[in-house]
Amino acid sequence: MTMEVSVKREVSYLSALLEQCRQDNPVDMDWLQELSNHARGIAQELAIPTTKDEEWRFTDLSPLLQETFEAALAVDTSTLDISPVVLPEAMNSRLVFVNGIYAPEQSSVAGLPEGVFVGNLAELPSEYQSRIADYLGNQQGVSDVFTLLNTAGLTDVAVIWLPRNTEVTAPIHLLFVSMADGVPRLFQPRCLVVAEPGSQLSLVEEYWQGQEANSAQGVYLTNSVTELWVGENARVTHIRVDGESNQAFHVGKSAIAQSRNSFYSCHGVAFGGKLSRHTLEVFQMGEGTETILNGLTAISEQQLADTHSAVMLNHPNGISNQLQKCIIDGSAHAVFNGKVSVPQAAQLTNAAQLNRNLLLSPKARVDTKPQLEITADNVKCSHGATVSQLEADEVFYLQSRGLKETDARNLLIDAFVAEIINQIPLASLRQRLSETVISSKRERNNVQQ
């Protein structure tokens, strides 16, 4: 009886969220409305996941269910100060959405190569309008509850489209800003990236709290979906930063399709959110692909951060390498679940996966589950996970060289973080993230000492 009541609660909560999904599409595209209606119809038969669902076993959404979210509202963005997160390398290749709504006055896309489109759905050129229906909402794995919720409320999309054999040398900065107003709000950003064969792109996808807010003002839910199509011989470098308010909920989905001989790398850094979950799914659509996944989670206090990844290697000669690191302080809880699938058809695959976790307090917790599912017999695959604290002998060694204990501990934390941060190809972003993540760890470490 108790279980029935619980299921009804999750069903009714999802229904309430669906009621808050906006229906006023900014463009006249019948297929777009049909896509939203189809997703809504499927979602109405589902429920918010619980810890009884295997994929959510370690992530309790009960705090989310205690909030009543309302639809996002358009806000005046003319005075919004985004200078703290502006990237000098992307001054003329920046796309800004505020509360999931396009903010052209904060965006700048001048100077891009001919034929490259960076903008929202309403600005999409006619030559792409007839083709976008083949990509938007058509990735594999887009039928989970939160992705369906996003599609059901689809009103606008950040679109990045690279024509064949086009290289964009400047990084494209896609900035999603959340502006809390004292009412729990539902923000649902959507991004579509199409890199046609032979093209090259560096993308920074960033989620940022646009104003300081106290606990009463800062509650909101960001439910984001990003679809990336990497064409044959194309190269995409994807940097994803979650810097939400520590009172916010963040659920993100990244779905990537890699064609033959393509390259995709993702550098994910997460330090925001009261409760955050990022699901990264990579689908190999042809042989000879290379996939590099690097991630860093740095959380403290009562935060919960969940990283789920799945690399589906369905063709021969694929390369996949994943390193996920977590720093957990206070009473925070990190979750990592990474799966690499290598079926019979994926011969000569080379896949490696490693999750390393550093616990900085006695109450810090991590649940880690690296997975390899292999039926092919001619492969080279490995996986593993480590959970540790700062080694006392390493701290002692540094102290013997003249460092104070706090400085020694901080130096070891810096080295742990740097292995991920230093692989981000933008100098300004590396510096900012280092200052944000490492400095916060130092401050808490110093307090403990």
Protein backbone atom coordinates (compact mmCIF):
# COMPACT_ATOMS: atom_id res chain seq x y z
CA MET A 1 0.00 0.00 0.00
CA THR A 2 2.83 2.37 0.88
CA MET A 3 4.54 1.63 -2.44
CA GLU A 4 1.34 2.43 -4.36
CA VAL A 5 1.05 5.77 -2.61
CA SER A 6 4.72 6.53 -3.41
CA VAL A 7 4.27 5.69 -7.10
CA LYS A 8 1.19 7.88 -7.31
CA ARG A 9 3.16 10.73 -5.76
CA GLU A 10 5.93 10.48 -8.40
CA VAL A 11 3.32 10.25 -11.20
CA SER A 12 1.37 13.26 -9.98
CA TYR A 13 4.57 15.27 -9.49
CA LEU A 14 5.62 14.64 -13.08
CA SER A 15 2.13 15.62 -14.25
CA ALA A 16 2.50 18.91 -12.36
CA LEU A 17 5.83 19.57 -14.07
CA LEU A 18 4.31 18.81 -17.48
CA GLU A 19 1.60 21.38 -16.78
CA GLN A 20 4.32 24.01 -16.36
CA CYS A 21 5.86 23.26 -19.76
CA ARG A 22 5.34 26.20 -22.10
CA GLN A 23 3.63 25.60 -25.41
CA ASP A 24 4.23 28.89 -27.22
CA ASN A 25 6.79 27.87 -29.85
CA PRO A 26 8.65 30.89 -31.28
CA VAL A 27 8.69 29.43 -34.80
CA ASP A 28 5.96 28.08 -37.04
CA MET A 29 7.10 24.48 -37.47
CA ASP A 30 4.36 21.85 -37.32
CA TRP A 31 6.87 19.05 -36.74
CA LEU A 32 8.19 20.86 -33.66
CA GLN A 33 4.77 20.91 -32.06
CA GLU A 34 4.26 17.29 -33.00
CA LEU A 35 7.61 16.42 -31.39
CA SER A 36 6.61 18.14 -28.15
CA ASN A 37 3.16 16.55 -28.12
CA HIS A 38 4.62 13.09 -28.74
CA ALA A 39 7.07 13.49 -25.84
CA ARG A 40 4.29 14.75 -23.59
CA GLY A 41 2.15 11.73 -24.42
CA ILE A 42 4.91 9.31 -23.47
CA ALA A 43 5.88 11.22 -20.33
CA GLN A 44 2.31 11.17 -19.05
CA GLU A 45 2.62 7.39 -18.71
CA LEU A 46 5.79 7.61 -16.61
CA ALA A 47 6.83 8.84 -13.18
CA ILE A 48 9.73 10.62 -11.52
CA PRO A 49 12.38 7.93 -10.80
CA THR A 50 13.06 6.73 -7.27
CA THR A 51 15.86 4.82 -5.57
CA LYS A 52 13.99 1.64 -6.51
CA ASP A 53 15.02 2.30 -10.13
CA GLU A 54 18.45 0.79 -10.77
CA GLU A 55 19.78 3.87 -12.62
CA TRP A 56 18.77 6.09 -9.68
CA ARG A 57 19.62 3.70 -6.84
CA PHE A 58 22.06 6.07 -5.13
CA THR A 59 20.35 9.36 -6.00
CA ASP A 60 17.32 10.20 -3.90
CA LEU A 61 15.09 12.82 -5.57
CA SER A 62 12.95 13.33 -2.46
CA PRO A 63 14.30 16.89 -1.92
CA LEU A 64 13.17 17.73 -5.45
CA LEU A 65 9.65 16.48 -4.77
CA GLN A 66 9.37 18.87 -1.85
CA GLU A 67 9.47 21.86 -4.20
CA THR A 68 6.66 23.17 -6.40
CA PHE A 69 8.15 24.57 -9.60
CA GLU A 70 6.51 27.11 -11.89
CA ALA A 71 7.24 27.89 -15.53
CA ALA A 72 10.19 30.14 -16.38
CA LEU A 73 9.49 33.80 -17.06
CA ALA A 74 11.26 36.15 -19.44
CA VAL A 75 13.35 38.71 -17.59
CA ASP A 76 15.07 41.96 -18.52
CA THR A 77 18.60 40.93 -19.47
CA SER A 78 19.85 44.29 -20.70
CA THR A 79 21.60 44.99 -17.39
CA LEU A 80 22.75 41.45 -16.73
CA ASP A 81 26.46 41.37 -15.92
CA ILE A 82 28.04 38.26 -17.39
CA SER A 83 31.60 39.59 -17.16
CA PRO A 84 32.63 37.05 -14.49
CA VAL A 85 32.16 34.21 -16.99
CA VAL A 86 33.03 35.88 -20.30
CA LEU A 87 35.78 34.01 -22.17
CA PRO A 88 38.27 36.26 -24.00
CA GLU A 89 38.79 33.51 -26.57
CA ALA A 90 35.05 33.55 -27.39
CA MET A 91 34.26 37.29 -27.40
CA ASN A 92 32.61 37.06 -30.84
CA SER A 93 31.31 33.51 -30.60
CA ARG A 94 29.04 33.61 -27.57
CA LEU A 95 25.41 32.54 -27.33
CA VAL A 96 23.50 33.43 -24.14
CA PHE A 97 20.19 32.05 -22.87
CA VAL A 98 18.63 33.40 -19.67
CA ASN A 99 16.10 31.15 -17.92
CA GLY A 100 16.14 29.05 -21.09
CA ILE A 101 15.16 32.05 -23.26
CA TYR A 102 17.46 33.49 -25.92
CA ALA A 103 19.14 36.80 -24.96
CA PRO A 104 20.41 38.36 -28.22
CA GLU A 105 21.63 41.54 -26.49
CA GLN A 106 24.08 39.45 -24.44
CA SER A 107 25.16 37.27 -27.37
CA SER A 108 27.83 37.96 -29.99
CA VAL A 109 28.34 35.75 -33.02
CA ALA A 110 30.18 38.06 -35.40
CA GLY A 111 33.16 36.89 -37.40
CA LEU A 112 32.29 33.21 -37.74
CA PRO A 113 33.26 31.40 -40.95
CA GLU A 114 30.82 31.57 -43.85
CA GLY A 115 28.03 29.05 -43.60
CA VAL A 116 28.44 28.44 -39.87
CA PHE A 117 25.25 29.10 -37.92
CA VAL A 118 25.23 29.89 -34.21
CA GLY A 119 21.90 31.15 -32.92
CA ASN A 120 18.47 30.16 -31.77
CA LEU A 121 15.75 28.26 -33.60
CA ALA A 122 13.91 31.36 -34.78
CA GLU A 123 17.03 32.61 -36.61
CA LEU A 124 17.79 29.31 -38.32
CA PRO A 125 18.50 29.86 -42.07
CA SER A 126 16.08 28.34 -44.55
CA GLU A 127 18.68 25.88 -45.87
CA TYR A 128 18.80 24.23 -42.44
CA GLN A 129 15.12 24.44 -41.53
CA SER A 130 14.24 21.54 -43.81
CA ARG A 131 16.98 19.38 -42.28
CA ILE A 132 16.76 20.10 -38.56
CA ALA A 133 13.87 17.67 -38.03
CA ASP A 134 16.29 14.86 -38.92
CA TYR A 135 18.44 15.73 -35.90
CA LEU A 136 16.45 17.41 -33.12
CA GLY A 137 14.99 14.81 -30.78
CA ASN A 138 16.32 11.91 -32.85
CA GLN A 139 19.28 10.83 -30.76
CA GLN A 140 19.23 7.39 -29.21
CA GLY A 141 18.45 7.35 -25.53
CA VAL A 142 16.16 10.39 -25.47
CA SER A 143 13.20 8.56 -23.95
CA ASP A 144 14.11 8.92 -20.28
CA VAL A 145 11.74 10.90 -18.08
CA PHE A 146 13.64 14.18 -17.80
CA THR A 147 14.57 14.30 -21.49
CA LEU A 148 10.91 13.77 -22.38
CA LEU A 149 9.99 16.57 -19.98
CA ASN A 150 12.43 18.87 -21.74
CA THR A 151 11.07 17.94 -25.17
CA ALA A 152 7.48 18.35 -24.00
CA GLY A 153 8.27 21.95 -23.07
CA LEU A 154 10.41 22.65 -26.12
CA THR A 155 10.04 26.31 -27.09
CA ASP A 156 13.51 27.32 -28.26
CA VAL A 157 16.81 25.70 -29.07
CA ALA A 158 20.42 26.84 -29.16
CA VAL A 159 21.59 25.63 -32.58
CA ILE A 160 25.20 25.28 -33.73
CA TRP A 161 25.59 24.04 -37.30
CA LEU A 162 28.91 23.52 -39.08
CA PRO A 163 28.89 22.84 -42.83
CA ARG A 164 31.06 20.14 -44.33
CA ASN A 165 34.87 20.61 -43.99
CA THR A 166 34.51 23.82 -41.96
CA GLU A 167 36.82 24.59 -39.06
CA VAL A 168 35.85 27.10 -36.37
CA THR A 169 39.10 28.14 -34.72
CA ALA A 170 37.52 30.23 -31.95
CA PRO A 171 35.66 28.30 -29.22
CA ILE A 172 31.89 28.75 -29.15
CA HIS A 173 30.65 29.68 -25.68
CA LEU A 174 27.10 28.56 -24.96
CA LEU A 175 26.09 30.22 -21.69
CA PHE A 176 22.89 29.26 -19.87
CA VAL A 177 22.14 31.75 -17.09
CA SER A 178 19.66 31.10 -14.29
CA MET A 179 18.01 34.18 -12.74
CA ALA A 180 16.15 33.24 -9.56
CA ASP A 181 13.26 35.50 -8.49
CA GLY A 182 12.11 34.04 -5.18
CA VAL A 183 9.73 31.52 -6.79
CA PRO A 184 10.98 28.00 -7.58
CA ARG A 185 11.25 27.98 -11.38
CA LEU A 186 11.64 25.31 -14.05
CA PHE A 187 14.30 26.12 -16.66
CA GLN A 188 14.69 23.78 -19.64
CA PRO A 189 17.60 24.72 -21.93
CA ARG A 190 18.03 22.76 -25.16
CA CYS A 191 21.05 22.62 -27.45
CA LEU A 192 21.59 21.01 -30.84
CA VAL A 193 25.05 20.73 -32.41
CA VAL A 194 25.49 19.38 -35.93
CA ALA A 195 29.11 19.01 -37.07
CA GLU A 196 28.98 17.82 -40.66
CA PRO A 197 31.72 15.58 -42.10
CA GLY A 198 35.23 17.00 -41.87
CA SER A 199 34.29 19.94 -39.62
CA GLN A 200 36.00 20.97 -36.36
CA LEU A 201 34.59 22.71 -33.31
CA SER A 202 35.35 23.54 -29.67
CA LEU A 203 32.24 24.09 -27.57
CA VAL A 204 31.96 25.42 -24.01
CA GLU A 205 28.55 24.62 -22.50
CA GLU A 206 28.23 26.47 -19.20
CA TYR A 207 25.49 26.74 -16.58
CA TRP A 208 25.81 29.74 -14.31
CA GLN A 209 23.83 31.46 -11.60
CA GLY A 210 23.38 35.02 -12.79
CA GLN A 211 22.97 36.70 -9.43
CA GLU A 212 23.72 36.17 -5.80
CA ALA A 213 20.72 34.65 -4.04
CA ASN A 214 19.91 33.44 -0.54
CA SER A 215 18.41 30.03 0.12
CA ALA A 216 14.84 31.24 -0.33
CA GLN A 217 15.52 32.91 -3.67
CA GLY A 218 17.93 30.44 -5.17
CA VAL A 219 15.72 27.36 -5.62
CA TYR A 220 15.18 26.33 -9.23
CA LEU A 221 15.37 23.27 -11.47
CA THR A 222 17.50 23.28 -14.60
CA ASN A 223 16.57 20.37 -16.85
CA SER A 224 18.89 20.55 -19.85
CA VAL A 225 19.35 18.43 -22.96
CA THR A 226 22.22 18.67 -25.45
CA GLU A 227 22.36 16.64 -28.66
CA LEU A 228 25.62 16.46 -30.62
CA TRP A 229 25.97 14.89 -34.05
CA VAL A 230 29.63 14.36 -34.98
CA GLY A 231 29.93 13.62 -38.71
CA GLU A 232 32.46 11.44 -40.47
CA ASN A 233 36.04 12.64 -39.84
CA ALA A 234 34.70 15.54 -37.75
CA ARG A 235 36.31 16.64 -34.47
CA VAL A 236 34.38 18.10 -31.55
CA THR A 237 35.86 19.19 -28.22
CA HIS A 238 33.10 19.68 -25.64
CA ILE A 239 33.64 21.42 -22.31
CA ARG A 240 30.72 21.31 -19.88
CA VAL A 241 30.68 23.40 -16.68
CA ASP A 242 28.00 23.14 -13.99
CA GLY A 243 28.24 26.23 -11.81
CA GLU A 244 24.65 26.40 -10.57
CA SER A 245 23.52 27.84 -7.24
CA ASN A 246 24.06 25.51 -4.30
CA GLN A 247 20.29 25.69 -3.70
CA ALA A 248 19.46 24.58 -7.24
CA PHE A 249 18.60 21.24 -8.80
CA HIS A 250 20.34 20.36 -12.05
CA VAL A 251 19.50 17.43 -14.32
CA GLY A 252 21.48 17.35 -17.57
CA LYS A 253 21.56 15.00 -20.53
CA SER A 254 24.26 14.92 -23.24
CA ALA A 255 23.62 12.55 -26.15
CA ILE A 256 26.39 12.18 -28.75
CA ALA A 257 26.36 10.30 -32.04
CA GLN A 258 29.80 9.66 -33.56
CA SER A 259 30.12 8.76 -37.22
CA ARG A 260 32.98 6.90 -38.85
CA ASN A 261 36.53 8.09 -37.99
CA SER A 262 35.24 10.96 -35.86
CA PHE A 263 36.73 12.37 -32.67
CA TYR A 264 34.79 13.54 -29.61
CA SER A 265 36.15 14.67 -26.25
CA CYS A 266 34.23 15.90 -23.23
CA HIS A 267 35.78 17.75 -20.30
CA GLY A 268 33.13 18.04 -17.59
CA VAL A 269 33.52 20.07 -14.40
CA ALA A 270 30.73 20.09 -11.80
CA PHE A 271 30.80 22.02 -8.54
CA GLY A 272 27.32 23.58 -8.29
CA GLY A 273 23.85 22.48 -7.35
CA LYS A 274 22.23 21.15 -4.22
CA LEU A 275 21.47 18.04 -6.24
CA SER A 276 22.92 17.51 -9.70
CA ARG A 277 22.89 14.69 -12.20
CA HIS A 278 24.61 14.58 -15.59
CA THR A 279 23.97 11.69 -17.96
CA LEU A 280 26.46 11.39 -20.82
CA GLU A 281 25.72 8.89 -23.56
CA VAL A 282 27.96 8.30 -26.58
CA PHE A 283 26.75 6.17 -29.48
CA GLN A 284 29.28 4.89 -32.03
CA MET A 285 27.68 5.07 -35.48
CA GLY A 286 30.68 3.84 -37.50
CA GLU A 287 34.11 2.28 -37.11
CA GLY A 288 37.33 3.99 -36.14
CA THR A 289 35.91 6.51 -33.64
CA GLU A 290 37.86 8.02 -30.76
CA THR A 291 36.13 9.12 -27.55
CA ILE A 292 37.84 10.90 -24.64
CA LEU A 293 35.85 11.59 -21.47
CA ASN A 294 37.39 13.57 -18.61
CA GLY A 295 35.38 14.67 -15.59
CA LEU A 296 35.87 16.44 -12.28
CA THR A 297 33.28 16.71 -9.51
CA ALA A 298 34.10 18.93 -6.53
CA ILE A 299 31.38 19.12 -3.88
CA SER A 300 31.01 19.79 -0.16
CA GLU A 301 28.53 20.40 2.65
CA GLN A 302 25.24 18.61 1.79
CA GLN A 303 25.65 18.49 -1.99
CA LEU A 304 24.85 15.42 -4.07
CA ALA A 305 26.41 15.03 -7.53
CA ASP A 306 25.66 12.08 -9.81
CA THR A 307 27.57 11.31 -13.01
CA HIS A 308 26.22 8.61 -15.30
CA SER A 309 27.96 7.74 -18.55
CA ALA A 310 27.47 5.14 -21.25
CA VAL A 311 29.74 4.54 -24.23
CA MET A 312 28.12 2.23 -26.78
CA LEU A 313 30.85 0.89 -29.07
CA ASN A 314 28.96 -0.90 -31.84
CA HIS A 315 31.64 -1.00 -34.57
CA PRO A 316 35.29 -2.15 -34.92
CA ASN A 317 38.46 -0.18 -34.15
CA GLY A 318 36.93 2.15 -31.60
CA ILE A 319 38.97 3.92 -28.93
CA SER A 320 37.47 5.08 -25.66
CA ASN A 321 39.30 6.53 -22.66
CA GLN A 322 37.55 7.86 -19.57
CA LEU A 323 38.90 9.41 -16.36
CA GLN A 324 36.39 10.65 -13.78
CA LYS A 325 37.64 12.28 -10.57
CA CYS A 326 35.63 13.30 -7.52
CA ILE A 327 36.59 15.43 -4.52
CA ILE A 328 34.05 15.07 -1.73
CA ASP A 329 34.10 17.21 1.40
CA GLY A 330 31.76 17.79 4.34
CA SER A 331 28.72 15.50 4.22
CA ALA A 332 28.56 15.53 0.42
CA HIS A 333 27.70 12.47 -1.65
CA ALA A 334 29.11 11.69 -5.10
CA VAL A 335 27.86 9.01 -7.46
CA PHE A 336 29.59 7.59 -10.52
CA ASN A 337 28.11 4.95 -12.80
CA GLY A 338 30.02 4.41 -16.03
CA LYS A 339 29.23 1.75 -18.59
CA VAL A 340 31.21 0.74 -21.66
CA SER A 341 29.43 -1.67 -24.00
CA VAL A 342 31.51 -3.74 -26.45
CA PRO A 343 29.27 -6.18 -28.39
CA GLN A 344 30.47 -8.87 -30.79
CA ALA A 345 30.58 -6.47 -33.73
CA ALA A 346 33.04 -4.14 -31.97
CA GLN A 347 36.22 -6.13 -32.56
CA LEU A 348 39.63 -4.46 -32.06
CA THR A 349 38.17 -2.03 -29.54
CA ASN A 350 40.50 -0.30 -27.08
CA ALA A 351 38.61 1.00 -24.04
CA ALA A 352 39.77 2.18 -20.62
CA GLN A 353 37.76 3.59 -17.72
CA LEU A 354 38.95 4.84 -14.32
CA ASN A 355 37.14 6.57 -11.47
CA ARG A 356 39.30 8.12 -8.72
CA ASN A 357 37.73 9.57 -5.58
CA LEU A 358 39.26 11.70 -2.83
CA LEU A 359 37.37 11.96 0.48
CA LEU A 360 38.32 15.02 2.52
CA SER A 361 36.11 14.43 5.56
CA PRO A 362 34.89 11.45 7.60
CA LYS A 363 31.27 12.05 6.52
CA ALA A 364 31.99 12.31 2.79
CA ARG A 365 30.52 9.48 0.74
CA VAL A 366 30.90 8.06 -2.75
CA ASP A 367 29.13 5.26 -4.62
CA THR A 368 31.05 4.13 -7.68
CA LYS A 369 30.15 1.51 -10.27
CA PRO A 370 32.39 1.24 -13.34
CA GLN A 371 31.06 -1.33 -15.80
CA LEU A 372 32.39 -3.20 -18.82
CA GLU A 373 29.96 -5.25 -20.90
CA ILE A 374 32.06 -7.21 -23.41
CA THR A 375 31.06 -9.97 -25.80
CA ALA A 376 33.72 -9.28 -28.45
CA ASP A 377 36.83 -11.48 -28.11
CA ASN A 378 39.54 -9.38 -29.78
CA VAL A 379 39.61 -6.26 -27.62
CA LYS A 380 41.77 -4.45 -25.08
CA CYS A 381 39.61 -3.13 -22.23
CA SER A 382 40.17 -2.15 -18.61
CA HIS A 383 38.28 -0.42 -15.83
CA GLY A 384 38.73 0.42 -12.18
CA ALA A 385 37.87 2.66 -9.26
CA THR A 386 39.75 3.97 -6.23
CA VAL A 387 38.50 5.64 -3.05
CA SER A 388 41.06 7.24 -0.77
CA GLN A 389 41.92 10.06 1.58
CA LEU A 390 44.99 12.24 1.54
CA GLU A 391 47.91 9.93 2.28
CA ALA A 392 49.49 10.68 5.64
CA ASP A 393 52.97 9.71 4.41
CA GLU A 394 52.68 12.08 1.44
CA VAL A 395 51.65 14.92 3.73
CA PHE A 396 54.52 14.05 6.06
CA TYR A 397 57.00 13.98 3.18
CA LEU A 398 56.00 17.48 2.09
CA GLN A 399 56.19 18.69 5.68
CA SER A 400 59.72 17.30 5.87
CA ARG A 401 60.55 19.58 2.95
CA GLY A 402 59.48 22.65 4.91
CA LEU A 403 55.78 22.99 4.10
CA LYS A 404 53.12 23.54 6.73
CA GLU A 405 50.58 20.75 7.07
CA THR A 406 47.77 22.83 5.54
CA ASP A 407 49.99 23.82 2.61
CA ALA A 408 51.00 20.21 2.09
CA ARG A 409 47.39 19.06 2.02
CA ASN A 410 46.44 21.87 -0.34
CA LEU A 411 49.30 21.00 -2.68
CA LEU A 412 48.11 17.40 -2.93
CA ILE A 413 44.55 18.55 -3.65
CA ASP A 414 45.87 20.90 -6.34
CA ALA A 415 47.69 18.04 -8.03
CA PHE A 416 44.59 15.83 -7.94
CA VAL A 417 42.48 18.56 -9.59
CA ALA A 418 45.09 19.67 -12.11
CA GLU A 419 45.11 16.35 -13.95
CA ILE A 420 41.62 17.18 -15.27
CA ILE A 421 41.70 20.99 -15.36
CA ASN A 422 44.95 21.14 -17.32
CA GLN A 423 43.43 19.20 -20.20
CA ILE A 424 40.88 21.96 -20.90
CA PRO A 425 42.17 23.71 -24.04
CA LEU A 426 41.16 27.28 -23.01
CA ALA A 427 43.65 29.13 -20.82
CA SER A 428 41.14 31.61 -19.36
CA LEU A 429 38.69 28.88 -18.44
CA ARG A 430 41.43 26.73 -16.91
CA GLN A 431 42.43 29.63 -14.69
CA ARG A 432 38.86 30.46 -13.66
CA LEU A 433 37.95 26.88 -12.84
CA SER A 434 41.16 26.35 -10.92
CA GLU A 435 40.45 29.44 -8.83
CA THR A 436 36.85 28.35 -8.23
CA VAL A 437 37.34 24.67 -7.48
CA ILE A 438 40.76 24.61 -5.86
CA SER A 439 40.26 27.75 -3.76
CA SER A 440 37.03 26.40 -2.27
CA LYS A 441 38.78 23.17 -1.33
CA ARG A 442 41.64 25.07 0.24
CA GLU A 443 39.32 27.20 2.34
CA ARG A 444 37.44 24.21 3.71
CA ASN A 445 40.66 22.28 4.26
CA ASN A 446 42.12 25.19 6.21
CA VAL A 447 38.99 25.40 8.38
CA GLN A 448 39.28 21.70 9.18
CA GLN A 449 42.87 22.18 10.26
